[in-house]
Amino acid sequence: MDQHPAPIPPLDVPALLRSRVRDVPDFPEPGVVFKDITPLLADRVAFGAVVDAVVNHHGRGTIDKVVGIEARGFILAAPIAYHFGAGFVPVRKQGKLPAATFHASYSLEYGEATLEVHTDAFTPGDRVVVVDDVLATGGTAAAAIDLVERAGAVVVGLSVLIELSFLAGRDRLPGRDVHSLLTI
């Protein structure tokens, strides 16, 4: 009698995302449909699957640092960095980092914002993946990429859980490896 367990079928990551990300209308302001990832984060299988999908896309051992964009990007980027064997670097909203910073201002779908990164966060030539939850208009991602490159690192890709294609954020990132787990 064969004692080997049956192989586990691969997970359908886009289906997991569709089933575990909820839409919250009119948040943070009227007309915006917020993509709430907290149900996904609470599901250990789904959370693990998205982390693994990002790591598998870029390849273990190929990344020196993983940038997480405040705030939900932090939650995703930290375990991704761990699985890469890489460092984690937070890109934060203005005024949140304690040492010298580079900063970049940008427009987003419902306002303006400024992001910062420590000037000493990277070693020149570090290979970096930028991670966030949603790619919408592309302003946040473009600002984060600009910060990483001004700090002397090389951005090898951007990974997001969800890409809102109707907002054309990818168009603001020409020539970039934009990896989205679910495009809507």
N, C-alpha and C. Protein backbone atom coordinates (compact mmCIF):
# COMPACT_ATOMS: atom_id res chain seq x y z
N MET A 1 0.84 -1.19 0.00
CA MET A 1 0.00 0.00 0.00
C MET A 1 0.88 1.24 0.00
N ASP A 2 0.57 2.18 -0.86
CA ASP A 2 1.35 3.41 -1.00
C ASP A 2 1.07 4.32 0.19
N GLN A 3 2.12 4.73 0.88
CA GLN A 3 1.99 5.58 2.06
C GLN A 3 2.25 7.06 1.75
N HIS A 4 2.49 7.37 0.49
CA HIS A 4 2.77 8.76 0.12
C HIS A 4 1.46 9.54 0.03
N PRO A 5 1.45 10.73 0.63
CA PRO A 5 0.23 11.55 0.54
C PRO A 5 0.03 12.08 -0.88
N ALA A 6 -1.20 12.34 -1.21
CA ALA A 6 -1.50 12.92 -2.53
C ALA A 6 -0.91 14.32 -2.59
N PRO A 7 -0.41 14.72 -3.75
CA PRO A 7 0.16 16.07 -3.86
C PRO A 7 -0.92 17.12 -3.63
N ILE A 8 -0.51 18.23 -3.07
CA ILE A 8 -1.42 19.34 -2.83
C ILE A 8 -1.51 20.15 -4.12
N PRO A 9 -2.72 20.38 -4.63
CA PRO A 9 -2.83 21.16 -5.86
C PRO A 9 -2.41 22.61 -5.61
N PRO A 10 -1.88 23.28 -6.64
CA PRO A 10 -1.51 24.68 -6.46
C PRO A 10 -2.73 25.53 -6.14
N LEU A 11 -2.52 26.56 -5.34
CA LEU A 11 -3.61 27.45 -4.97
C LEU A 11 -3.89 28.44 -6.09
N ASP A 12 -5.13 28.77 -6.28
CA ASP A 12 -5.54 29.78 -7.25
C ASP A 12 -5.51 31.13 -6.53
N VAL A 13 -4.37 31.82 -6.62
CA VAL A 13 -4.18 33.06 -5.87
C VAL A 13 -5.19 34.13 -6.28
N PRO A 14 -5.45 34.37 -7.58
CA PRO A 14 -6.48 35.37 -7.90
C PRO A 14 -7.84 35.05 -7.29
N ALA A 15 -8.22 33.77 -7.28
CA ALA A 15 -9.51 33.41 -6.67
C ALA A 15 -9.49 33.66 -5.18
N LEU A 16 -8.36 33.37 -4.52
CA LEU A 16 -8.25 33.66 -3.08
C LEU A 16 -8.42 35.15 -2.83
N LEU A 17 -7.77 35.95 -3.65
CA LEU A 17 -7.90 37.40 -3.48
C LEU A 17 -9.34 37.86 -3.70
N ARG A 18 -9.97 37.38 -4.76
CA ARG A 18 -11.36 37.78 -5.02
C ARG A 18 -12.27 37.42 -3.86
N SER A 19 -12.02 36.28 -3.24
CA SER A 19 -12.91 35.82 -2.17
C SER A 19 -12.59 36.43 -0.80
N ARG A 20 -11.39 37.02 -0.65
CA ARG A 20 -10.99 37.49 0.67
C ARG A 20 -10.64 38.98 0.74
N VAL A 21 -10.92 39.71 -0.32
CA VAL A 21 -10.77 41.16 -0.32
C VAL A 21 -12.17 41.73 -0.50
N ARG A 22 -12.55 42.59 0.42
CA ARG A 22 -13.92 43.15 0.31
C ARG A 22 -13.87 44.61 -0.10
N ASP A 23 -14.89 44.98 -0.83
CA ASP A 23 -15.06 46.37 -1.25
C ASP A 23 -15.80 47.13 -0.17
N VAL A 24 -15.28 48.32 0.17
CA VAL A 24 -15.95 49.20 1.13
C VAL A 24 -16.23 50.51 0.38
N PRO A 25 -17.49 50.71 -0.01
CA PRO A 25 -17.83 51.91 -0.77
C PRO A 25 -17.72 53.18 0.07
N ASP A 26 -17.36 54.26 -0.61
CA ASP A 26 -17.30 55.60 -0.01
C ASP A 26 -16.33 55.70 1.16
N PHE A 27 -15.19 54.99 1.06
CA PHE A 27 -14.14 55.10 2.08
C PHE A 27 -12.81 55.26 1.37
N PRO A 28 -12.02 56.23 1.72
CA PRO A 28 -12.11 57.16 2.85
C PRO A 28 -12.95 58.40 2.57
N GLU A 29 -13.48 58.48 1.32
CA GLU A 29 -14.37 59.60 1.01
C GLU A 29 -15.37 59.15 -0.05
N PRO A 30 -16.47 59.89 -0.22
CA PRO A 30 -17.48 59.49 -1.19
C PRO A 30 -16.90 59.29 -2.59
N GLY A 31 -17.36 58.22 -3.24
CA GLY A 31 -16.94 57.92 -4.59
C GLY A 31 -15.76 56.96 -4.69
N VAL A 32 -15.04 56.74 -3.59
CA VAL A 32 -13.90 55.82 -3.58
C VAL A 32 -14.39 54.46 -3.09
N VAL A 33 -13.98 53.40 -3.77
CA VAL A 33 -14.27 52.04 -3.32
C VAL A 33 -12.97 51.47 -2.78
N PHE A 34 -12.88 51.35 -1.46
CA PHE A 34 -11.68 50.89 -0.77
C PHE A 34 -11.58 49.37 -0.83
N LYS A 35 -10.40 48.87 -1.14
CA LYS A 35 -10.14 47.43 -1.17
C LYS A 35 -9.60 47.02 0.21
N ASP A 36 -10.44 46.40 1.01
CA ASP A 36 -10.08 45.99 2.37
C ASP A 36 -9.45 44.60 2.35
N ILE A 37 -8.14 44.53 2.68
CA ILE A 37 -7.42 43.25 2.65
C ILE A 37 -7.40 42.54 4.01
N THR A 38 -8.05 43.09 5.02
CA THR A 38 -7.97 42.46 6.34
C THR A 38 -8.52 41.03 6.37
N PRO A 39 -9.58 40.68 5.62
CA PRO A 39 -9.99 39.26 5.60
C PRO A 39 -8.90 38.35 5.01
N LEU A 40 -8.20 38.83 4.01
CA LEU A 40 -7.09 38.07 3.42
C LEU A 40 -5.98 37.86 4.45
N LEU A 41 -5.62 38.91 5.16
CA LEU A 41 -4.55 38.82 6.14
C LEU A 41 -4.90 37.86 7.28
N ALA A 42 -6.17 37.75 7.60
CA ALA A 42 -6.60 36.88 8.70
C ALA A 42 -6.63 35.40 8.31
N ASP A 43 -6.57 35.13 7.01
CA ASP A 43 -6.62 33.75 6.52
C ASP A 43 -5.19 33.28 6.27
N ARG A 44 -4.68 32.39 7.12
CA ARG A 44 -3.26 32.00 7.04
C ARG A 44 -2.91 31.36 5.70
N VAL A 45 -3.81 30.61 5.12
CA VAL A 45 -3.52 29.98 3.82
C VAL A 45 -3.44 31.04 2.73
N ALA A 46 -4.40 31.94 2.68
CA ALA A 46 -4.41 32.98 1.66
C ALA A 46 -3.23 33.93 1.83
N PHE A 47 -2.94 34.32 3.06
CA PHE A 47 -1.82 35.22 3.34
C PHE A 47 -0.50 34.57 2.91
N GLY A 48 -0.33 33.32 3.28
CA GLY A 48 0.88 32.59 2.88
C GLY A 48 0.99 32.45 1.37
N ALA A 49 -0.14 32.24 0.72
CA ALA A 49 -0.14 32.06 -0.73
C ALA A 49 0.30 33.34 -1.45
N VAL A 50 -0.13 34.51 -0.98
CA VAL A 50 0.28 35.74 -1.65
C VAL A 50 1.76 36.03 -1.40
N VAL A 51 2.24 35.75 -0.20
CA VAL A 51 3.67 35.93 0.08
C VAL A 51 4.48 35.02 -0.84
N ASP A 52 4.11 33.75 -0.89
CA ASP A 52 4.82 32.79 -1.75
C ASP A 52 4.77 33.19 -3.22
N ALA A 53 3.64 33.70 -3.69
CA ALA A 53 3.51 34.08 -5.09
C ALA A 53 4.47 35.21 -5.46
N VAL A 54 4.63 36.17 -4.57
CA VAL A 54 5.57 37.27 -4.84
C VAL A 54 7.00 36.76 -4.85
N VAL A 55 7.36 35.97 -3.85
CA VAL A 55 8.71 35.43 -3.77
C VAL A 55 9.01 34.56 -5.00
N ASN A 56 8.08 33.73 -5.39
CA ASN A 56 8.28 32.87 -6.55
C ASN A 56 8.43 33.67 -7.84
N HIS A 57 7.71 34.78 -7.95
CA HIS A 57 7.81 35.61 -9.15
C HIS A 57 9.23 36.15 -9.34
N HIS A 58 9.82 36.64 -8.27
CA HIS A 58 11.14 37.29 -8.36
C HIS A 58 12.29 36.31 -8.17
N GLY A 59 12.07 35.21 -7.46
CA GLY A 59 13.11 34.20 -7.26
C GLY A 59 13.90 34.42 -5.99
N ARG A 60 13.96 33.40 -5.16
CA ARG A 60 14.74 33.46 -3.92
C ARG A 60 16.20 33.75 -4.24
N GLY A 61 16.83 34.52 -3.35
CA GLY A 61 18.25 34.81 -3.49
C GLY A 61 18.59 35.89 -4.49
N THR A 62 17.58 36.55 -5.06
CA THR A 62 17.85 37.56 -6.08
C THR A 62 17.64 38.99 -5.58
N ILE A 63 17.12 39.13 -4.37
CA ILE A 63 16.72 40.44 -3.85
C ILE A 63 17.50 40.76 -2.58
N ASP A 64 17.98 42.01 -2.47
CA ASP A 64 18.72 42.45 -1.28
C ASP A 64 17.82 43.12 -0.25
N LYS A 65 16.85 43.91 -0.74
CA LYS A 65 15.94 44.63 0.15
C LYS A 65 14.54 44.61 -0.43
N VAL A 66 13.56 44.60 0.47
CA VAL A 66 12.16 44.70 0.07
C VAL A 66 11.60 45.96 0.72
N VAL A 67 11.05 46.83 -0.11
CA VAL A 67 10.44 48.08 0.36
C VAL A 67 8.95 47.84 0.55
N GLY A 68 8.45 48.23 1.71
CA GLY A 68 7.01 48.22 1.97
C GLY A 68 6.52 49.64 2.05
N ILE A 69 5.45 49.95 1.33
CA ILE A 69 4.89 51.29 1.33
C ILE A 69 3.83 51.37 2.44
N GLU A 70 3.92 52.42 3.25
CA GLU A 70 3.01 52.60 4.37
C GLU A 70 1.56 52.61 3.88
N ALA A 71 0.69 51.98 4.56
CA ALA A 71 0.88 51.16 5.75
C ALA A 71 0.70 49.68 5.42
N ARG A 72 -0.24 49.38 4.54
CA ARG A 72 -0.52 47.96 4.29
C ARG A 72 0.62 47.26 3.55
N GLY A 73 1.43 48.02 2.83
CA GLY A 73 2.61 47.43 2.20
C GLY A 73 3.59 46.87 3.22
N PHE A 74 3.62 47.46 4.43
CA PHE A 74 4.50 46.94 5.50
C PHE A 74 4.13 45.51 5.84
N ILE A 75 2.83 45.28 5.97
CA ILE A 75 2.33 43.96 6.39
C ILE A 75 2.74 42.89 5.39
N LEU A 76 2.72 43.22 4.12
CA LEU A 76 3.07 42.27 3.07
C LEU A 76 4.58 42.15 2.88
N ALA A 77 5.27 43.28 2.91
CA ALA A 77 6.70 43.30 2.58
C ALA A 77 7.56 42.59 3.62
N ALA A 78 7.20 42.68 4.89
CA ALA A 78 8.06 42.07 5.92
C ALA A 78 8.17 40.55 5.76
N PRO A 79 7.08 39.80 5.63
CA PRO A 79 7.26 38.36 5.43
C PRO A 79 7.88 38.02 4.08
N ILE A 80 7.64 38.85 3.07
CA ILE A 80 8.27 38.63 1.77
C ILE A 80 9.79 38.78 1.91
N ALA A 81 10.23 39.82 2.62
CA ALA A 81 11.66 40.02 2.85
C ALA A 81 12.26 38.83 3.59
N TYR A 82 11.57 38.35 4.60
CA TYR A 82 12.04 37.20 5.35
C TYR A 82 12.25 35.99 4.43
N HIS A 83 11.30 35.73 3.56
CA HIS A 83 11.41 34.58 2.66
C HIS A 83 12.47 34.77 1.58
N PHE A 84 12.76 36.00 1.22
CA PHE A 84 13.86 36.27 0.29
C PHE A 84 15.21 36.15 0.98
N GLY A 85 15.22 36.26 2.32
CA GLY A 85 16.49 36.39 3.03
C GLY A 85 17.05 37.79 2.82
N ALA A 86 16.16 38.75 2.71
CA ALA A 86 16.51 40.14 2.40
C ALA A 86 16.13 41.05 3.57
N GLY A 87 16.62 42.28 3.52
CA GLY A 87 16.23 43.28 4.49
C GLY A 87 14.91 43.92 4.12
N PHE A 88 14.26 44.52 5.12
CA PHE A 88 13.00 45.24 4.91
C PHE A 88 13.25 46.73 5.12
N VAL A 89 12.74 47.55 4.21
CA VAL A 89 12.88 49.00 4.31
C VAL A 89 11.48 49.63 4.22
N PRO A 90 11.09 50.38 5.25
CA PRO A 90 9.80 51.07 5.17
C PRO A 90 9.90 52.38 4.40
N VAL A 91 8.94 52.62 3.52
CA VAL A 91 8.74 53.93 2.91
C VAL A 91 7.51 54.49 3.61
N ARG A 92 7.73 55.62 4.29
CA ARG A 92 6.69 56.13 5.18
C ARG A 92 6.14 57.47 4.74
N LYS A 93 5.02 57.82 5.33
CA LYS A 93 4.45 59.15 5.13
C LYS A 93 5.37 60.18 5.78
N GLN A 94 5.31 61.40 5.26
CA GLN A 94 6.19 62.47 5.69
C GLN A 94 6.16 62.66 7.21
N GLY A 95 7.35 62.83 7.79
CA GLY A 95 7.48 63.14 9.20
C GLY A 95 7.50 61.93 10.13
N LYS A 96 7.49 60.72 9.60
CA LYS A 96 7.42 59.52 10.44
C LYS A 96 8.79 58.86 10.66
N LEU A 97 9.79 59.20 9.86
CA LEU A 97 11.11 58.58 9.99
C LEU A 97 12.04 59.50 10.79
N PRO A 98 12.85 58.95 11.69
CA PRO A 98 13.63 59.77 12.62
C PRO A 98 14.95 60.32 12.10
N ALA A 99 15.52 59.79 11.02
CA ALA A 99 16.83 60.24 10.54
C ALA A 99 16.67 60.99 9.22
N ALA A 100 17.80 61.35 8.59
CA ALA A 100 17.78 62.08 7.33
C ALA A 100 17.03 61.27 6.26
N THR A 101 16.22 61.97 5.46
CA THR A 101 15.39 61.28 4.46
C THR A 101 15.46 61.95 3.10
N PHE A 102 15.14 61.14 2.08
CA PHE A 102 14.75 61.65 0.78
C PHE A 102 13.23 61.71 0.83
N HIS A 103 12.62 62.65 0.10
CA HIS A 103 11.16 62.70 0.06
C HIS A 103 10.68 62.93 -1.36
N ALA A 104 9.47 62.45 -1.61
CA ALA A 104 8.82 62.62 -2.92
C ALA A 104 7.34 62.87 -2.71
N SER A 105 6.83 63.91 -3.35
CA SER A 105 5.40 64.23 -3.27
C SER A 105 4.72 63.73 -4.54
N TYR A 106 3.46 63.40 -4.43
CA TYR A 106 2.73 62.83 -5.55
C TYR A 106 1.24 63.04 -5.36
N SER A 107 0.49 62.87 -6.45
CA SER A 107 -0.98 62.93 -6.40
C SER A 107 -1.50 61.51 -6.37
N LEU A 108 -2.59 61.32 -5.66
CA LEU A 108 -3.28 60.04 -5.69
C LEU A 108 -4.73 60.27 -6.01
N GLU A 109 -5.50 59.19 -6.08
CA GLU A 109 -6.86 59.32 -6.59
C GLU A 109 -7.77 60.22 -5.76
N TYR A 110 -7.39 60.49 -4.50
CA TYR A 110 -8.24 61.35 -3.68
C TYR A 110 -7.43 62.35 -2.85
N GLY A 111 -6.32 62.86 -3.41
CA GLY A 111 -5.56 63.88 -2.71
C GLY A 111 -4.10 63.92 -3.09
N GLU A 112 -3.29 64.51 -2.21
CA GLU A 112 -1.85 64.63 -2.38
C GLU A 112 -1.17 64.04 -1.15
N ALA A 113 0.07 63.59 -1.33
CA ALA A 113 0.81 63.01 -0.21
C ALA A 113 2.30 63.11 -0.48
N THR A 114 3.08 62.89 0.57
CA THR A 114 4.54 62.87 0.48
C THR A 114 5.04 61.62 1.18
N LEU A 115 5.95 60.92 0.52
CA LEU A 115 6.59 59.74 1.10
C LEU A 115 8.05 60.03 1.37
N GLU A 116 8.63 59.28 2.33
CA GLU A 116 10.04 59.44 2.68
C GLU A 116 10.69 58.08 2.90
N VAL A 117 12.01 58.06 2.69
CA VAL A 117 12.83 56.90 3.01
C VAL A 117 14.14 57.43 3.60
N HIS A 118 14.73 56.69 4.52
CA HIS A 118 16.02 57.09 5.07
C HIS A 118 17.07 57.14 3.97
N THR A 119 17.93 58.13 4.02
CA THR A 119 18.98 58.27 3.01
C THR A 119 19.99 57.13 3.06
N ASP A 120 20.10 56.47 4.20
CA ASP A 120 21.07 55.38 4.35
C ASP A 120 20.42 53.99 4.34
N ALA A 121 19.22 53.90 3.78
CA ALA A 121 18.47 52.63 3.82
C ALA A 121 19.04 51.57 2.90
N PHE A 122 19.82 51.97 1.90
CA PHE A 122 20.31 51.03 0.90
C PHE A 122 21.81 51.15 0.73
N THR A 123 22.42 50.05 0.34
CA THR A 123 23.80 50.04 -0.12
C THR A 123 23.74 50.26 -1.62
N PRO A 124 24.62 51.08 -2.18
CA PRO A 124 24.56 51.30 -3.63
C PRO A 124 24.53 49.98 -4.39
N GLY A 125 23.58 49.90 -5.33
CA GLY A 125 23.43 48.70 -6.14
C GLY A 125 22.52 47.64 -5.56
N ASP A 126 22.00 47.85 -4.34
CA ASP A 126 21.05 46.87 -3.78
C ASP A 126 19.94 46.61 -4.79
N ARG A 127 19.58 45.34 -4.94
CA ARG A 127 18.45 44.95 -5.80
C ARG A 127 17.20 44.95 -4.93
N VAL A 128 16.18 45.72 -5.35
CA VAL A 128 15.02 46.00 -4.51
C VAL A 128 13.72 45.65 -5.22
N VAL A 129 12.81 45.05 -4.44
CA VAL A 129 11.42 44.88 -4.86
C VAL A 129 10.58 45.81 -4.00
N VAL A 130 9.71 46.58 -4.62
CA VAL A 130 8.77 47.46 -3.93
C VAL A 130 7.45 46.71 -3.83
N VAL A 131 6.84 46.72 -2.63
CA VAL A 131 5.62 45.97 -2.39
C VAL A 131 4.54 46.89 -1.83
N ASP A 132 3.33 46.74 -2.36
CA ASP A 132 2.16 47.46 -1.83
C ASP A 132 0.93 46.60 -2.04
N ASP A 133 -0.17 47.02 -1.47
CA ASP A 133 -1.39 46.23 -1.59
C ASP A 133 -2.12 46.49 -2.89
N VAL A 134 -2.23 47.77 -3.30
CA VAL A 134 -3.03 48.12 -4.47
C VAL A 134 -2.24 49.08 -5.37
N LEU A 135 -2.28 48.82 -6.67
CA LEU A 135 -1.79 49.77 -7.66
C LEU A 135 -3.02 50.44 -8.26
N ALA A 136 -3.18 51.73 -7.98
CA ALA A 136 -4.33 52.47 -8.49
C ALA A 136 -3.85 53.41 -9.60
N THR A 137 -3.63 54.68 -9.29
CA THR A 137 -3.20 55.64 -10.30
C THR A 137 -1.70 55.57 -10.57
N GLY A 138 -0.95 54.89 -9.71
CA GLY A 138 0.49 54.74 -9.90
C GLY A 138 1.33 55.80 -9.22
N GLY A 139 0.71 56.81 -8.64
CA GLY A 139 1.47 57.89 -8.00
C GLY A 139 2.30 57.42 -6.81
N THR A 140 1.71 56.60 -5.96
CA THR A 140 2.43 56.11 -4.78
C THR A 140 3.60 55.23 -5.21
N ALA A 141 3.36 54.32 -6.13
CA ALA A 141 4.42 53.42 -6.60
C ALA A 141 5.54 54.20 -7.27
N ALA A 142 5.21 55.16 -8.12
CA ALA A 142 6.23 55.95 -8.81
C ALA A 142 7.07 56.74 -7.81
N ALA A 143 6.42 57.31 -6.79
CA ALA A 143 7.16 58.05 -5.77
C ALA A 143 8.10 57.14 -4.99
N ALA A 144 7.62 55.95 -4.62
CA ALA A 144 8.46 55.01 -3.87
C ALA A 144 9.65 54.57 -4.71
N ILE A 145 9.43 54.28 -5.98
CA ILE A 145 10.51 53.87 -6.88
C ILE A 145 11.54 54.99 -7.02
N ASP A 146 11.07 56.22 -7.16
CA ASP A 146 11.96 57.38 -7.25
C ASP A 146 12.84 57.48 -6.00
N LEU A 147 12.24 57.30 -4.84
CA LEU A 147 12.99 57.37 -3.58
C LEU A 147 14.08 56.30 -3.51
N VAL A 148 13.73 55.08 -3.86
CA VAL A 148 14.68 53.97 -3.82
C VAL A 148 15.86 54.26 -4.75
N GLU A 149 15.57 54.74 -5.95
CA GLU A 149 16.63 55.00 -6.92
C GLU A 149 17.48 56.20 -6.51
N ARG A 150 16.88 57.23 -5.93
CA ARG A 150 17.68 58.36 -5.44
C ARG A 150 18.59 57.94 -4.31
N ALA A 151 18.19 56.91 -3.56
CA ALA A 151 19.01 56.40 -2.45
C ALA A 151 20.10 55.45 -2.95
N GLY A 152 20.19 55.20 -4.26
CA GLY A 152 21.28 54.43 -4.82
C GLY A 152 21.01 52.97 -5.10
N ALA A 153 19.78 52.53 -4.92
CA ALA A 153 19.45 51.12 -5.16
C ALA A 153 18.84 50.94 -6.55
N VAL A 154 18.70 49.69 -6.95
CA VAL A 154 18.14 49.33 -8.25
C VAL A 154 16.79 48.65 -8.03
N VAL A 155 15.73 49.22 -8.56
CA VAL A 155 14.40 48.62 -8.43
C VAL A 155 14.26 47.57 -9.53
N VAL A 156 14.11 46.30 -9.10
CA VAL A 156 13.95 45.22 -10.07
C VAL A 156 12.49 44.89 -10.32
N GLY A 157 11.60 45.38 -9.47
CA GLY A 157 10.19 45.13 -9.70
C GLY A 157 9.30 45.74 -8.64
N LEU A 158 8.03 45.80 -8.99
CA LEU A 158 6.96 46.24 -8.10
C LEU A 158 5.96 45.10 -8.03
N SER A 159 5.62 44.67 -6.83
CA SER A 159 4.61 43.62 -6.66
C SER A 159 3.46 44.17 -5.84
N VAL A 160 2.24 43.94 -6.33
CA VAL A 160 1.03 44.38 -5.64
C VAL A 160 0.03 43.23 -5.60
N LEU A 161 -0.83 43.27 -4.61
CA LEU A 161 -1.91 42.28 -4.56
C LEU A 161 -2.91 42.52 -5.67
N ILE A 162 -3.33 43.78 -5.81
CA ILE A 162 -4.43 44.11 -6.72
C ILE A 162 -4.04 45.30 -7.59
N GLU A 163 -4.28 45.17 -8.88
CA GLU A 163 -4.09 46.29 -9.80
C GLU A 163 -5.46 46.72 -10.31
N LEU A 164 -5.78 47.99 -10.11
CA LEU A 164 -7.03 48.55 -10.60
C LEU A 164 -6.77 49.09 -12.01
N SER A 165 -6.91 48.25 -13.02
CA SER A 165 -6.49 48.57 -14.38
C SER A 165 -7.22 49.79 -14.95
N PHE A 166 -8.45 50.02 -14.52
CA PHE A 166 -9.22 51.15 -15.04
C PHE A 166 -8.63 52.50 -14.63
N LEU A 167 -7.71 52.51 -13.65
CA LEU A 167 -7.04 53.75 -13.24
C LEU A 167 -5.69 53.94 -13.93
N ALA A 168 -5.26 52.95 -14.71
CA ALA A 168 -4.07 53.03 -15.57
C ALA A 168 -2.78 53.36 -14.83
N GLY A 169 -2.63 52.88 -13.60
CA GLY A 169 -1.40 53.13 -12.84
C GLY A 169 -0.16 52.56 -13.48
N ARG A 170 -0.30 51.46 -14.16
CA ARG A 170 0.84 50.82 -14.84
C ARG A 170 1.46 51.78 -15.88
N ASP A 171 0.64 52.64 -16.46
CA ASP A 171 1.13 53.58 -17.47
C ASP A 171 2.14 54.57 -16.90
N ARG A 172 2.09 54.82 -15.60
CA ARG A 172 3.05 55.74 -14.95
C ARG A 172 4.36 55.05 -14.61
N LEU A 173 4.46 53.74 -14.95
CA LEU A 173 5.64 52.95 -14.60
C LEU A 173 6.22 52.26 -15.83
N PRO A 174 6.47 53.01 -16.90
CA PRO A 174 6.93 52.37 -18.15
C PRO A 174 8.27 51.66 -17.95
N GLY A 175 8.38 50.49 -18.57
CA GLY A 175 9.61 49.72 -18.51
C GLY A 175 9.84 48.99 -17.20
N ARG A 176 8.89 49.03 -16.30
CA ARG A 176 9.04 48.37 -14.99
C ARG A 176 8.39 47.00 -15.01
N ASP A 177 8.96 46.09 -14.21
CA ASP A 177 8.33 44.79 -13.98
C ASP A 177 7.25 45.01 -12.93
N VAL A 178 6.00 45.13 -13.38
CA VAL A 178 4.87 45.31 -12.48
C VAL A 178 4.17 43.97 -12.37
N HIS A 179 4.22 43.41 -11.18
CA HIS A 179 3.66 42.08 -10.91
C HIS A 179 2.43 42.26 -10.03
N SER A 180 1.25 41.97 -10.58
CA SER A 180 0.03 42.06 -9.79
C SER A 180 -0.59 40.66 -9.70
N LEU A 181 -1.04 40.31 -8.51
CA LEU A 181 -1.63 39.00 -8.30
C LEU A 181 -3.07 38.92 -8.79
N LEU A 182 -3.74 40.08 -8.85
CA LEU A 182 -5.11 40.16 -9.35
C LEU A 182 -5.28 41.49 -10.05
N THR A 183 -5.73 41.46 -11.29
CA THR A 183 -6.00 42.68 -12.05
C THR A 183 -7.49 42.78 -12.27
N ILE A 184 -8.05 43.92 -11.87
CA ILE A 184 -9.49 44.13 -12.07
C ILE A 184 -9.72 45.44 -12.80
